[in-house]
Amino acid sequence: MLSAGVGGGETAIRAGKLRRVMRLTFPQGSGNEFAGRVAAVGAGVDLRRGELVWGLMPHGTFGSIADKVVVPRDRVAPLPQGLDPVAAGSLPVSGTTAITALEEKAAVLPGERLLVRGATGGVGSVAVQLGRHLGAHVTAMAGERNLDWVRELGAHVAVDYRTTGPADLGPFDVIVDLVGTDLPAYRRRLARGGRMVALAIAPDAVVRSLAAVAFGRLLPRPVLSFSNNPAAGTVARLAELVEAGAIRPVPDRAFPIEEIVEVHRRLEAGGVRGKYVIDLTAGRH
């Protein structure tokens, strides 16, 4: 293994705040995505030993922050040409989630107005890039210090979430929500025919978040949601977008595996841009 991303939701999972949703048994490993070299393959697998690859753990499982992982072939794909293997470990989950949200669920069209709420996180930072590539007019909500940063990623408009509420916004054709609070208020910002994709559960208001999503599915301007479980074709699509320059990984900082506790502390404190990544080559000779 060369690297593995650390998702922001893992702190809530570790703390047991999402136990009613995920029903995990502990202990659990950490990490859901990775980049590395093939160590061995099963019969009939079309990958070579030593080949650079990236991928995701099987759906609903963790443990990519490790020396080795064993995963099905459809969760792995060759690493895009020229992509830094350490930075690459931060992208498979965020990238495939953004692709599913914008291309498959919301079916964003050129010229549509897209709001990305929570634009500085792992998925949000990719959604901004992908939305721009798809031809949408992208508005990104972020903290004040990150407004220029999300503009550099491709946002046409960047607004400070601390001073701008849902009543100050809209209308939008598509809203991608990565925060999980106040979903009804943001859904009301949708134009006729609009779609909201809700990808976050507020850890301190799990029942309220789930209820808002469940009720929102029944409305004319629906609230869509999903648990990311991409097919091999989605990973291949991500590689295509990376090689075309439409999406790039934006790891905030790389840490050695010995500092994983510090990584979780930093995640809990907030303020991460993109994603933290564990450099599993650090300290090796």
Protein backbone atom coordinates (compact mmCIF):
# COMPACT_ATOMS: atom_id res chain seq x y z
CA MET A 1 0.00 0.00 0.00
CA LEU A 2 1.16 3.52 -0.80
CA SER A 3 -1.58 5.76 0.58
CA ALA A 4 -5.10 5.87 1.96
CA GLY A 5 -7.59 8.68 2.41
CA VAL A 6 -9.27 9.53 5.71
CA GLY A 7 -12.92 10.54 5.29
CA GLY A 8 -14.46 13.19 7.48
CA GLY A 9 -17.32 10.87 8.41
CA GLU A 10 -14.98 8.37 10.02
CA THR A 11 -14.75 10.36 13.25
CA ALA A 12 -18.53 10.10 13.74
CA ILE A 13 -18.44 6.39 12.92
CA ARG A 14 -15.58 5.82 15.36
CA ALA A 15 -17.49 7.70 18.08
CA GLY A 16 -20.57 5.54 17.53
CA LYS A 17 -22.79 8.44 16.43
CA LEU A 18 -23.93 6.59 13.29
CA ARG A 19 -24.38 3.18 14.88
CA ARG A 20 -28.14 3.20 14.22
CA VAL A 21 -27.49 3.77 10.53
CA MET A 22 -24.48 1.58 9.80
CA ARG A 23 -24.86 -1.14 12.43
CA LEU A 24 -21.14 -1.80 12.53
CA THR A 25 -19.54 -4.13 15.01
CA PHE A 26 -16.27 -3.08 16.59
CA PRO A 27 -13.33 -3.20 16.36
CA GLN A 28 -13.23 -1.83 12.80
CA GLY A 29 -10.32 -0.80 10.64
CA SER A 30 -9.96 2.75 9.39
CA GLY A 31 -10.01 4.03 5.83
CA ASN A 32 -12.15 3.16 2.82
CA GLU A 33 -9.96 4.05 -0.20
CA PHE A 34 -6.37 3.46 -1.25
CA ALA A 35 -3.61 3.57 -3.82
CA GLY A 36 -0.92 0.92 -3.99
CA ARG A 37 0.90 -1.76 -5.97
CA VAL A 38 -0.52 -5.17 -6.74
CA ALA A 39 1.16 -7.79 -4.55
CA ALA A 40 -0.72 -10.84 -5.81
CA VAL A 41 -3.74 -11.68 -7.96
CA GLY A 42 -6.23 -14.48 -8.14
CA ALA A 43 -6.80 -16.72 -11.15
CA GLY A 44 -8.05 -14.88 -14.21
CA VAL A 45 -7.46 -11.37 -12.81
CA ASP A 46 -6.20 -8.97 -15.50
CA LEU A 47 -3.75 -7.03 -13.31
CA ARG A 48 0.00 -7.54 -13.03
CA ARG A 49 2.05 -7.90 -9.90
CA GLY A 50 3.71 -4.55 -9.18
CA GLU A 51 1.14 -2.56 -11.18
CA LEU A 52 0.00 0.76 -9.68
CA VAL A 53 -3.70 0.69 -8.82
CA TRP A 54 -6.26 2.57 -6.77
CA GLY A 55 -9.64 1.58 -5.42
CA LEU A 56 -12.14 1.21 -2.62
CA MET A 57 -12.86 -1.31 0.10
CA PRO A 58 -15.97 -3.49 -0.34
CA HIS A 59 -19.17 -1.57 0.41
CA GLY A 60 -19.76 -0.99 4.11
CA THR A 61 -16.28 -2.08 5.18
CA PHE A 62 -13.17 -0.25 6.30
CA GLY A 63 -9.50 -1.03 6.72
CA SER A 64 -7.58 0.56 3.85
CA ILE A 65 -5.06 2.15 6.24
CA ALA A 66 -2.93 -0.97 6.34
CA ASP A 67 0.14 -2.56 4.81
CA LYS A 68 -2.03 -4.76 2.56
CA VAL A 69 -5.69 -5.19 1.68
CA VAL A 70 -7.55 -7.92 -0.16
CA VAL A 71 -10.40 -6.65 -2.35
CA PRO A 72 -12.49 -7.94 -5.26
CA ARG A 73 -11.28 -7.08 -8.75
CA ASP A 74 -14.22 -4.75 -9.40
CA ARG A 75 -13.11 -2.46 -6.56
CA VAL A 76 -9.69 -1.80 -8.13
CA ALA A 77 -8.55 -0.03 -11.31
CA PRO A 78 -5.18 0.94 -12.79
CA LEU A 79 -3.92 4.27 -11.45
CA PRO A 80 -4.35 7.11 -13.98
CA GLN A 81 -1.16 7.98 -15.82
CA GLY A 82 0.92 10.66 -14.11
CA LEU A 83 -1.12 10.79 -10.90
CA ASP A 84 0.92 11.00 -7.71
CA PRO A 85 0.25 7.74 -5.80
CA VAL A 86 0.18 9.46 -2.41
CA ALA A 87 -2.30 12.14 -3.49
CA ALA A 88 -4.31 9.50 -5.37
CA GLY A 89 -5.29 7.74 -2.15
CA SER A 90 -7.56 10.65 -1.28
CA LEU A 91 -9.74 10.45 -4.40
CA PRO A 92 -11.50 7.10 -5.09
CA VAL A 93 -14.34 7.54 -2.58
CA SER A 94 -14.85 11.28 -3.04
CA GLY A 95 -14.53 11.05 -6.81
CA THR A 96 -16.95 8.17 -7.33
CA THR A 97 -19.44 9.75 -4.91
CA ALA A 98 -19.38 13.03 -6.81
CA ILE A 99 -19.78 11.25 -10.15
CA THR A 100 -22.76 9.25 -8.87
CA ALA A 101 -24.37 12.36 -7.38
CA LEU A 102 -23.97 14.70 -10.35
CA GLU A 103 -24.00 12.43 -13.37
CA GLU A 104 -26.22 9.53 -12.31
CA LYS A 105 -28.62 10.84 -9.65
CA ALA A 106 -29.02 14.54 -10.50
CA ALA A 107 -28.10 14.24 -14.21
CA VAL A 108 -26.68 17.76 -14.26
CA LEU A 109 -27.04 19.52 -17.62
CA PRO A 110 -24.93 22.31 -19.13
CA GLY A 111 -26.18 25.71 -18.01
CA GLU A 112 -27.96 24.45 -14.90
CA ARG A 113 -27.41 26.23 -11.59
CA LEU A 114 -25.60 24.00 -9.09
CA LEU A 115 -25.14 24.69 -5.38
CA VAL A 116 -22.48 22.69 -3.53
CA ARG A 117 -23.00 23.04 0.21
CA GLY A 118 -19.91 21.93 2.12
CA ALA A 119 -17.63 22.61 -0.83
CA THR A 120 -14.30 22.36 0.98
CA GLY A 121 -14.55 18.71 2.04
CA GLY A 122 -13.49 15.62 0.12
CA VAL A 123 -16.67 15.14 -1.92
CA GLY A 124 -17.52 18.83 -2.07
CA SER A 125 -14.19 19.82 -3.59
CA VAL A 126 -14.63 17.19 -6.31
CA ALA A 127 -18.27 18.16 -6.90
CA VAL A 128 -17.20 21.75 -7.59
CA GLN A 129 -14.67 20.56 -10.18
CA LEU A 130 -17.04 18.09 -11.81
CA GLY A 131 -19.92 20.53 -11.87
CA ARG A 132 -17.76 23.05 -13.71
CA HIS A 133 -16.64 20.36 -16.16
CA LEU A 134 -20.26 19.39 -16.86
CA GLY A 135 -21.05 22.97 -17.80
CA ALA A 136 -23.08 23.94 -14.73
CA HIS A 137 -22.95 27.38 -13.13
CA VAL A 138 -21.43 26.45 -9.76
CA THR A 139 -22.07 28.21 -6.46
CA ALA A 140 -19.94 26.89 -3.59
CA MET A 141 -20.67 27.41 0.10
CA ALA A 142 -17.56 27.45 2.29
CA GLY A 143 -15.93 29.27 5.17
CA GLU A 144 -14.50 32.73 4.54
CA ARG A 145 -10.86 31.60 4.42
CA ASN A 146 -11.68 29.03 1.71
CA LEU A 147 -13.66 31.19 -0.69
CA ASP A 148 -10.74 31.91 -3.01
CA TRP A 149 -9.72 28.25 -2.84
CA VAL A 150 -13.10 26.95 -4.05
CA ARG A 151 -13.05 29.55 -6.82
CA GLU A 152 -9.71 28.12 -7.92
CA LEU A 153 -11.35 24.69 -8.05
CA GLY A 154 -13.93 26.03 -10.50
CA ALA A 155 -16.74 27.71 -8.56
CA HIS A 156 -18.25 30.67 -10.39
CA VAL A 157 -19.60 32.06 -7.11
CA ALA A 158 -18.34 31.39 -3.57
CA VAL A 159 -20.36 32.40 -0.50
CA ASP A 160 -19.57 32.29 3.20
CA TYR A 161 -21.92 29.87 4.92
CA ARG A 162 -21.59 31.79 8.19
CA THR A 163 -23.11 34.95 6.75
CA THR A 164 -25.33 33.52 4.00
CA GLY A 165 -28.40 31.44 4.81
CA PRO A 166 -30.76 29.51 2.56
CA ALA A 167 -33.15 32.46 2.32
CA ASP A 168 -30.34 34.50 0.74
CA LEU A 169 -29.77 31.98 -2.04
CA GLY A 170 -31.31 30.50 -5.13
CA PRO A 171 -33.00 29.38 -7.10
CA PHE A 172 -30.94 26.34 -8.11
CA ASP A 173 -31.57 23.43 -10.42
CA VAL A 174 -29.39 21.06 -8.40
CA ILE A 175 -28.22 21.21 -4.78
CA VAL A 176 -25.58 18.82 -3.47
CA ASP A 177 -25.69 18.90 0.33
CA LEU A 178 -22.68 17.67 2.30
CA VAL A 179 -23.65 19.16 5.67
CA GLY A 180 -26.88 17.40 6.64
CA THR A 181 -28.65 20.19 8.55
CA ASP A 182 -31.59 22.42 7.53
CA LEU A 183 -32.41 20.26 4.52
CA PRO A 184 -36.03 21.48 4.16
CA ALA A 185 -34.89 25.11 4.06
CA TYR A 186 -32.34 24.40 1.35
CA ARG A 187 -34.75 22.21 -0.63
CA ARG A 188 -37.04 25.24 -0.90
CA ARG A 189 -34.26 26.91 -2.91
CA LEU A 190 -34.86 24.46 -5.75
CA ALA A 191 -36.36 25.74 -8.98
CA ARG A 192 -39.17 23.89 -10.75
CA GLY A 193 -37.78 20.52 -11.79
CA GLY A 194 -34.91 20.88 -9.34
CA ARG A 195 -33.15 18.03 -7.55
CA MET A 196 -31.34 17.86 -4.21
CA VAL A 197 -28.77 15.15 -3.49
CA ALA A 198 -28.28 14.80 0.27
CA LEU A 199 -25.01 13.05 1.07
CA ALA A 200 -24.50 13.81 4.76
CA ILE A 201 -26.15 12.88 8.02
CA ALA A 202 -25.71 15.41 10.81
CA PRO A 203 -23.98 13.30 13.51
CA ASP A 204 -25.74 15.14 16.34
CA ALA A 205 -29.17 15.01 14.67
CA VAL A 206 -29.27 11.62 12.96
CA VAL A 207 -33.02 11.02 13.25
CA ARG A 208 -33.89 14.51 12.04
CA SER A 209 -31.55 14.21 9.05
CA LEU A 210 -32.92 10.81 8.04
CA ALA A 211 -36.50 12.02 8.42
CA ALA A 212 -35.83 15.04 6.21
CA VAL A 213 -34.37 12.81 3.49
CA ALA A 214 -37.17 10.23 3.73
CA PHE A 215 -39.90 12.87 3.51
CA GLY A 216 -38.05 14.76 0.79
CA ARG A 217 -38.11 11.71 -1.51
CA LEU A 218 -41.89 12.04 -1.78
CA LEU A 219 -41.94 15.68 -2.86
CA PRO A 220 -42.19 17.05 -6.42
CA ARG A 221 -38.65 18.43 -6.14
CA PRO A 222 -37.15 15.32 -4.61
CA VAL A 223 -34.34 14.83 -2.14
CA LEU A 224 -32.15 12.03 -3.46
CA SER A 225 -29.64 10.07 -1.41
CA PHE A 226 -27.49 6.97 -1.72
CA SER A 227 -24.79 4.98 -0.02
CA ASN A 228 -21.79 5.06 -2.32
CA ASN A 229 -21.20 1.61 -3.81
CA PRO A 230 -19.72 2.33 -7.23
CA ALA A 231 -19.45 -0.21 -9.99
CA ALA A 232 -16.14 -0.75 -11.75
CA GLY A 233 -17.36 1.53 -14.52
CA THR A 234 -17.57 4.46 -12.12
CA VAL A 235 -13.95 4.01 -11.06
CA ALA A 236 -12.99 3.91 -14.74
CA ARG A 237 -15.00 7.09 -15.34
CA LEU A 238 -13.08 8.78 -12.50
CA ALA A 239 -9.78 7.79 -14.11
CA GLU A 240 -11.00 9.21 -17.42
CA LEU A 241 -11.89 12.54 -15.80
CA VAL A 242 -8.54 12.72 -14.01
CA GLU A 243 -6.59 11.99 -17.18
CA ALA A 244 -8.63 14.66 -19.01
CA GLY A 245 -7.70 17.23 -16.34
CA ALA A 246 -11.31 17.72 -15.24
CA ILE A 247 -10.74 16.43 -11.70
CA ARG A 248 -7.64 16.44 -9.55
CA PRO A 249 -7.10 15.20 -6.00
CA VAL A 250 -6.80 17.95 -3.41
CA PRO A 251 -5.23 16.36 -0.33
CA ASP A 252 -4.91 18.90 2.47
CA ARG A 253 -1.87 17.22 3.97
CA ALA A 254 -0.21 13.80 4.11
CA PHE A 255 0.58 12.16 7.45
CA PRO A 256 2.52 9.01 8.36
CA ILE A 257 0.40 6.20 9.76
CA GLU A 258 1.82 6.80 13.23
CA GLU A 259 -0.10 10.10 13.34
CA ILE A 260 -3.57 8.70 12.61
CA VAL A 261 -4.81 9.78 16.05
CA GLU A 262 -3.72 13.36 15.30
CA VAL A 263 -5.49 13.15 11.93
CA HIS A 264 -8.77 12.28 13.66
CA ARG A 265 -8.29 15.10 16.15
CA ARG A 266 -7.78 17.55 13.29
CA LEU A 267 -10.85 16.25 11.50
CA GLU A 268 -12.94 16.75 14.62
CA ALA A 269 -11.63 20.31 14.91
CA GLY A 270 -12.72 21.05 11.31
CA GLY A 271 -11.13 23.28 8.71
CA VAL A 272 -9.74 20.58 6.41
CA ARG A 273 -9.46 21.40 2.72
CA GLY A 274 -10.17 18.41 0.54
CA LYS A 275 -9.00 15.39 2.47
CA TYR A 276 -6.23 14.20 4.73
CA VAL A 277 -4.24 11.30 3.36
CA ILE A 278 -2.07 8.72 5.09
CA ASP A 279 1.29 8.27 3.36
CA LEU A 280 2.03 4.61 3.93
CA THR A 281 5.49 4.97 2.40
CA ALA A 282 6.64 7.49 5.01
CA GLY A 283 9.63 6.24 6.95
CA ARG A 284 10.21 3.26 4.66
CA HIS A 285 13.62 2.66 3.09
